[in-house]
Every structure is written in C-alpha cells, then in structure tokens.
Amino acid sequence: MGLVEKQVENAFQPVLTPYPEAKRLALECLYKAKRFITELSTFISDDFAKWKARGHGKVDAWQMTSVCVRRIFEEIHSERIVAQDGYNHQDVAFTTARILWATWKAHMVMDCYLKHQFYEHPAVATVLARYLVDNYVKPDDAVSAKVNHLEKTLNTLQGQVSQLKNADKENKQYKGEYKQQFKGKTAKFACIPKDE
C-alpha cells in the first residue's frame, strides 16, 4: 500500500508544487482513501470470519460479505458518476469542477462508512437483511444433523433404560411369587436367588 501511495504522490507532486493548497487537498484525499481501503480490508476479513464462526460455510460467508462490499462500492460509484464521460476540451474549468465535486462526494461517502465502522451503516444492514430474506442461507446442515443424531440416540437409550427397569420389576415380582409358593416347604434342588 505504501508503494502505491508513493507512486500517486510522485505523480501529482510536480504538477501541484506551485499550488500548495491544491497539493494539501490532494494529499488529504490520498490519505483518506488509503485509510478507507485499510479499514475496508479489515471489515472484509472480520465479516467473513464472523459468518464462519456462526456456522456458515465458506461460500455462504463470502456471499454475505461480498453483498455488503458491493453495496459500498455501488454507493461510491453513484457519487463519482457525475465525472464519468465528463471531459470537455472547450470548458476545462467546468470539467475540473465536476471531477473535484465527484471526488469530494465520494470521499463524503467513504467518511460516512468509516464513521459508522461499516457494520453500523444503514446501507450495509439493509442490503444484508434483504439478501438473507431473499436467499435464506442456513447454517451448516452437518451441525443440525449431528444434533438430530444425538437426540435419536438419547431417545433410544432412554427407551432401553425403561425396558430394563420394567424387566427388573417383573423379575422381582416373579421372585416374590416363587417364594410365596414354596413358603414353609423345602425342596432338594430348589435354587432361589437371594434378594439384593
């Protein structure tokens, strides 16, 4: 980024040296644009990581992040369009004014996004909400499949525990009936299990 900044600065340095106000303004725009790009890069990385941490796949996370970034660039472009195809050889002052106006308007948009730290900007929230409603990207199904499998396993184990309890009750009841039958009688080969 520093190399690009130096190249741009060197490009307008010879032209703007006799005009200190214009040079100062150009440098300020350059530094603001650099800050915007740096913050935007951080936003992109953080936003992607946030969607991944919430259980979305890589493709879905990039789609949601790119929808936001596209909206940001669309808004900047809509301000810069004033200067598009606006070069007029006969009226250089008017052309210059249009280019400056478009540049400053674009910088106002960038400042607004920086002020809201991207996430809090109404345009980002709106476009993301619209995208989610239109596409309803669900978190990874593998997680919900694992939860469903665990629930089924739990239900099966609970059923088996209930069956064992019922079998134990029946076994105890049977032992009681068996003892009642032979109460007071002795049998040579009778094997009565001990109560536990």
Protein backbone atom coordinates (compact mmCIF):
# COMPACT_ATOMS: atom_id res chain seq x y z
CA MET A 1 0.00 0.00 0.00
CA GLY A 2 2.88 2.35 0.79
CA LEU A 3 4.34 1.85 -2.70
CA VAL A 4 1.06 2.81 -4.39
CA GLU A 5 0.75 5.84 -2.13
CA LYS A 6 4.28 6.96 -3.07
CA GLN A 7 3.62 6.45 -6.80
CA VAL A 8 0.44 8.54 -6.68
CA GLU A 9 2.14 11.22 -4.61
CA ASN A 10 5.07 11.35 -7.07
CA ALA A 11 2.64 11.62 -9.98
CA PHE A 12 0.94 14.79 -8.78
CA GLN A 13 3.94 16.28 -6.95
CA PRO A 14 5.47 18.06 -9.99
CA VAL A 15 2.10 19.35 -11.18
CA LEU A 16 0.87 20.64 -7.83
CA THR A 17 4.11 22.01 -6.34
CA PRO A 18 3.31 25.60 -7.42
CA TYR A 19 -0.16 25.25 -5.82
CA PRO A 20 0.29 24.42 -2.12
CA GLU A 21 -3.47 24.43 -1.34
CA ALA A 22 -4.22 22.02 -4.16
CA LYS A 23 -1.28 19.82 -3.11
CA ARG A 24 -2.50 19.75 0.50
CA LEU A 25 -6.01 18.84 -0.65
CA ALA A 26 -4.72 16.10 -2.96
CA LEU A 27 -2.58 14.61 -0.17
CA GLU A 28 -5.53 14.70 2.24
CA CYS A 29 -7.72 12.86 -0.28
CA LEU A 30 -4.95 10.32 -0.85
CA TYR A 31 -4.52 9.63 2.89
CA LYS A 32 -8.28 9.37 3.43
CA ALA A 33 -8.59 6.92 0.53
CA LYS A 34 -5.72 4.85 1.96
CA ARG A 35 -7.39 4.75 5.38
CA PHE A 36 -10.70 3.76 3.79
CA ILE A 37 -9.11 0.87 1.88
CA THR A 38 -7.29 -0.32 5.01
CA GLU A 39 -10.47 -0.22 7.11
CA LEU A 40 -12.48 -1.87 4.32
CA SER A 41 -9.95 -4.72 4.14
CA THR A 42 -10.27 -5.22 7.88
CA PHE A 43 -14.08 -5.18 7.59
CA ILE A 44 -13.99 -7.83 4.86
CA SER A 45 -11.75 -10.14 6.90
CA ASP A 46 -13.72 -9.66 10.12
CA ASP A 47 -17.11 -10.05 8.43
CA PHE A 48 -16.07 -13.29 6.71
CA ALA A 49 -14.69 -14.66 9.99
CA LYS A 50 -17.90 -13.67 11.81
CA TRP A 51 -20.12 -15.62 9.38
CA LYS A 52 -17.79 -18.64 9.52
CA ALA A 53 -17.88 -18.58 13.33
CA ARG A 54 -21.68 -18.58 13.22
CA GLY A 55 -21.66 -21.89 11.37
CA HIS A 56 -21.98 -20.81 7.74
CA GLY A 57 -19.91 -22.46 5.03
CA LYS A 58 -17.08 -20.69 3.25
CA VAL A 59 -19.13 -19.96 0.10
CA ASP A 60 -22.12 -18.60 2.04
CA ALA A 61 -19.86 -16.46 4.24
CA TRP A 62 -18.15 -14.94 1.19
CA GLN A 63 -21.51 -14.30 -0.47
CA MET A 64 -22.81 -12.39 2.54
CA THR A 65 -19.60 -10.39 2.86
CA SER A 66 -19.45 -9.60 -0.86
CA VAL A 67 -23.06 -8.36 -0.85
CA CYS A 68 -22.06 -5.74 1.73
CA VAL A 69 -18.85 -4.75 -0.08
CA ARG A 70 -20.66 -4.47 -3.39
CA ARG A 71 -23.19 -2.09 -1.81
CA ILE A 72 -20.36 0.09 -0.51
CA PHE A 73 -18.75 0.34 -3.95
CA GLU A 74 -22.11 0.96 -5.63
CA GLU A 75 -22.72 3.92 -3.35
CA ILE A 76 -19.26 5.37 -4.02
CA HIS A 77 -19.76 4.85 -7.76
CA SER A 78 -23.13 6.61 -7.70
CA GLU A 79 -21.39 9.74 -6.38
CA ARG A 80 -18.49 9.52 -8.84
CA ILE A 81 -20.71 9.06 -11.87
CA VAL A 82 -21.03 12.84 -12.16
CA ALA A 83 -17.49 12.96 -13.54
CA GLN A 84 -17.84 9.96 -15.85
CA ASP A 85 -17.57 10.86 -19.53
CA GLY A 86 -17.42 14.47 -18.49
CA TYR A 87 -14.19 15.65 -20.07
CA ASN A 88 -14.78 18.68 -22.25
CA HIS A 89 -11.83 20.26 -24.09
CA GLN A 90 -13.67 23.55 -24.59
CA ASP A 91 -14.61 24.01 -20.92
CA VAL A 92 -11.69 22.74 -18.84
CA ALA A 93 -12.78 24.66 -15.72
CA PHE A 94 -16.21 23.02 -15.75
CA THR A 95 -14.67 19.58 -16.29
CA THR A 96 -12.26 20.16 -13.41
CA ALA A 97 -15.10 21.29 -11.16
CA ARG A 98 -17.11 18.15 -11.99
CA ILE A 99 -14.15 15.88 -11.25
CA LEU A 100 -13.44 17.65 -7.95
CA TRP A 101 -17.12 17.57 -6.98
CA ALA A 102 -17.36 13.84 -7.72
CA THR A 103 -14.13 13.15 -5.79
CA TRP A 104 -15.30 15.05 -2.73
CA LYS A 105 -18.73 13.44 -2.81
CA ALA A 106 -17.09 10.00 -2.98
CA HIS A 107 -14.90 10.95 -0.01
CA MET A 108 -18.00 12.01 1.91
CA VAL A 109 -19.48 8.55 1.33
CA MET A 110 -16.23 6.91 2.44
CA ASP A 111 -16.14 9.11 5.57
CA CYS A 112 -19.71 8.11 6.37
CA TYR A 113 -18.83 4.41 6.19
CA LEU A 114 -15.75 4.98 8.36
CA LYS A 115 -17.81 6.93 10.88
CA HIS A 116 -20.27 4.04 11.15
CA GLN A 117 -17.44 1.47 11.11
CA PHE A 118 -19.14 -0.26 8.15
CA TYR A 119 -21.26 -2.58 10.34
CA GLU A 120 -23.46 0.20 11.67
CA HIS A 121 -24.04 1.88 8.31
CA PRO A 122 -27.73 1.68 7.32
CA ALA A 123 -26.92 0.62 3.75
CA VAL A 124 -24.93 -2.41 4.92
CA ALA A 125 -27.62 -3.52 7.35
CA THR A 126 -30.37 -3.08 4.76
CA VAL A 127 -28.66 -4.93 1.94
CA LEU A 128 -27.64 -7.77 4.25
CA ALA A 129 -31.17 -8.13 5.61
CA ARG A 130 -32.59 -8.15 2.08
CA TYR A 131 -30.05 -10.74 0.98
CA LEU A 132 -30.82 -13.05 3.90
CA VAL A 133 -34.56 -12.78 3.30
CA ASP A 134 -34.18 -13.44 -0.44
CA ASN A 135 -31.77 -16.35 -0.11
CA TYR A 136 -32.23 -17.55 3.47
CA VAL A 137 -28.82 -19.07 3.84
CA LYS A 138 -28.99 -21.66 6.62
CA PRO A 139 -26.04 -22.53 8.81
CA ASP A 140 -24.24 -25.76 8.02
CA ASP A 141 -26.68 -28.71 7.98
CA ALA A 142 -23.98 -31.01 9.31
CA VAL A 143 -24.34 -29.43 12.76
CA SER A 144 -28.11 -29.90 12.84
CA ALA A 145 -27.70 -33.47 11.54
CA LYS A 146 -25.34 -34.22 14.43
CA VAL A 147 -27.81 -32.77 16.92
CA ASN A 148 -30.64 -34.86 15.42
CA HIS A 149 -28.47 -37.99 15.63
CA LEU A 150 -27.66 -37.28 19.30
CA GLU A 151 -31.37 -36.75 20.07
CA LYS A 152 -32.26 -40.10 18.44
CA THR A 153 -29.50 -41.86 20.36
CA LEU A 154 -30.70 -40.31 23.60
CA ASN A 155 -34.30 -41.40 22.94
CA THR A 156 -33.14 -44.95 22.16
CA LEU A 157 -31.08 -45.13 25.35
CA GLN A 158 -33.99 -43.80 27.42
CA GLY A 159 -36.21 -46.50 25.94
CA GLN A 160 -33.67 -49.19 26.78
CA VAL A 161 -33.37 -47.94 30.37
CA SER A 162 -37.17 -48.07 30.71
CA GLN A 163 -37.22 -51.64 29.39
CA LEU A 164 -34.52 -52.67 31.87
CA LYS A 165 -36.47 -51.11 34.75
CA ASN A 166 -39.66 -52.95 33.70
CA ALA A 167 -37.76 -56.22 33.36
CA ASP A 168 -36.24 -55.72 36.80
CA LYS A 169 -39.69 -55.08 38.32
CA GLU A 170 -41.09 -58.21 36.66
CA ASN A 171 -38.10 -60.22 37.86
CA LYS A 172 -38.57 -59.06 41.46
CA GLN A 173 -42.30 -59.76 41.28
CA TYR A 174 -41.63 -63.26 39.92
CA LYS A 175 -39.15 -63.99 42.72
CA GLY A 176 -41.73 -62.90 45.26
CA GLU A 177 -44.40 -65.19 43.77
CA TYR A 178 -41.92 -68.10 43.68
CA LYS A 179 -41.04 -67.64 47.33
CA GLN A 180 -44.74 -67.45 48.27
CA GLN A 181 -45.36 -70.79 46.52
CA PHE A 182 -42.71 -72.67 48.43
CA LYS A 183 -43.04 -70.92 51.77
CA GLY A 184 -42.50 -73.43 54.50
CA LYS A 185 -41.61 -76.22 52.08
CA THR A 186 -38.16 -77.47 51.44
CA ALA A 187 -37.01 -78.64 48.12
CA LYS A 188 -33.88 -80.56 47.43
CA PHE A 189 -32.91 -78.87 44.20
CA ALA A 190 -34.71 -75.58 44.56
CA CYS A 191 -32.42 -72.74 43.80
CA ILE A 192 -33.92 -69.46 44.96
CA PRO A 193 -31.78 -66.45 44.19
CA LYS A 194 -31.04 -64.14 47.08
CA ASP A 195 -32.73 -60.75 47.22
CA GLU A 196 -30.38 -57.90 46.67
